[in-house]
Protein backbone atom coordinates (compact mmCIF):
# COMPACT_ATOMS: atom_id res chain seq x y z
CA MET A 1 160.71 146.23 105.90
CA LYS A 2 164.01 145.58 107.68
CA LYS A 3 165.10 147.90 110.66
CA TYR A 4 168.63 149.22 110.52
CA ASN A 5 171.18 150.54 113.16
CA LYS A 6 172.21 154.01 112.93
CA CYS A 7 174.80 154.79 110.32
CA SER A 8 178.26 153.92 111.37
CA LEU A 9 179.89 156.85 109.62
CA CYS A 10 177.77 159.71 110.64
CA LYS A 11 175.16 158.10 113.23
CA GLY A 12 172.28 159.23 110.87
CA LYS A 13 168.96 157.41 110.54
CA VAL A 14 169.15 154.57 108.20
CA ILE A 15 165.74 153.48 106.44
CA GLU A 16 165.22 150.74 103.76
CA GLU A 17 164.81 152.02 100.36
CA ARG A 18 165.16 150.47 96.69
CA VAL A 19 168.29 151.38 95.14
CA THR A 20 170.18 150.97 91.72
CA VAL A 21 173.58 149.16 92.21
CA ASP A 22 176.52 149.33 89.65
CA TYR A 23 177.71 145.73 90.49
CA ARG A 24 181.58 145.26 90.16
CA TRP A 25 183.38 141.99 90.80
CA GLY A 26 187.23 141.61 90.90
CA GLY A 27 187.58 144.99 89.36
CA LYS A 28 185.21 144.26 86.53
CA PHE A 29 181.88 146.00 85.92
CA LEU A 30 179.23 143.21 85.56
CA ALA A 31 175.78 144.73 85.67
CA VAL A 32 173.45 147.45 86.72
CA LEU A 33 171.08 145.98 89.34
CA GLU A 34 167.74 147.75 89.86
CA ASP A 35 165.07 147.62 92.77
CA VAL A 36 167.71 146.37 95.34
CA PRO A 37 166.70 146.59 98.91
CA ALA A 38 169.28 148.68 101.03
CA GLY A 39 169.42 150.63 104.19
CA VAL A 40 170.23 154.09 103.22
CA CYS A 41 171.42 156.88 105.52
CA GLN A 42 169.22 159.88 105.30
CA ASN A 43 172.10 162.04 106.31
CA CYS A 44 175.19 161.07 104.32
CA GLY A 45 173.68 158.50 101.81
CA GLU A 46 175.93 155.50 102.89
CA GLU A 47 174.12 152.40 101.85
CA TYR A 48 174.08 148.99 103.75
CA TYR A 49 173.12 145.66 102.33
CA ARG A 50 171.96 142.59 104.28
CA ALA A 51 173.92 139.40 103.58
CA GLU A 52 171.20 137.62 101.78
CA VAL A 53 170.79 140.65 99.41
CA VAL A 54 174.66 140.53 98.72
CA LYS A 55 174.34 136.88 97.90
CA ALA A 56 171.48 137.48 95.62
CA MET A 57 173.16 140.28 93.87
CA GLU A 58 176.08 138.23 93.25
CA LYS A 59 174.14 135.28 91.82
CA LEU A 60 171.99 137.52 89.52
CA ALA A 61 175.01 139.49 88.24
CA LYS A 62 177.04 136.27 87.39
CA SER A 63 173.91 134.57 85.90
CA LYS A 64 173.49 133.69 82.30
CA LYS A 65 169.92 134.86 82.52
CA LYS A 66 168.70 137.31 79.88
CA SER A 67 168.97 140.81 81.07
CA LYS A 68 166.06 143.42 80.93
CA ALA A 69 168.13 145.59 78.81
CA LYS A 70 171.64 146.58 77.79
CA ILE A 71 173.66 149.79 77.91
CA MET A 72 176.90 151.07 76.36
CA VAL A 73 179.00 153.67 78.11
CA PRO A 74 182.22 155.38 77.12
CA ILE A 75 185.25 154.73 79.25
CA TYR A 76 187.94 157.56 79.82
CA SER A 77 191.21 157.62 81.47
CA PHE A 78 191.39 160.61 83.77
CA LYS A 79 195.09 160.54 83.60
CA LYS A 80 195.13 161.21 79.70
CA VAL A 81 192.45 164.15 80.21
CA ALA A 82 194.13 165.96 83.21
């Protein structure tokens, strides 16, 4: 398990957890990535990713590999609702 510095936002304790990431690239939603190792602040929830994890997420999200599952979600424009 990787050791992390204190949170840069609130100085809280950061420990490694497995998280789910809504991965976006260039404003486009590409994938949901599960079981991603991240440092998570126990106070404010800020997440920190090691460089090799970010590179692996990018590679996986852009790959043509068959996904585990697919979901469909509605998209709304807040401007039209408010």
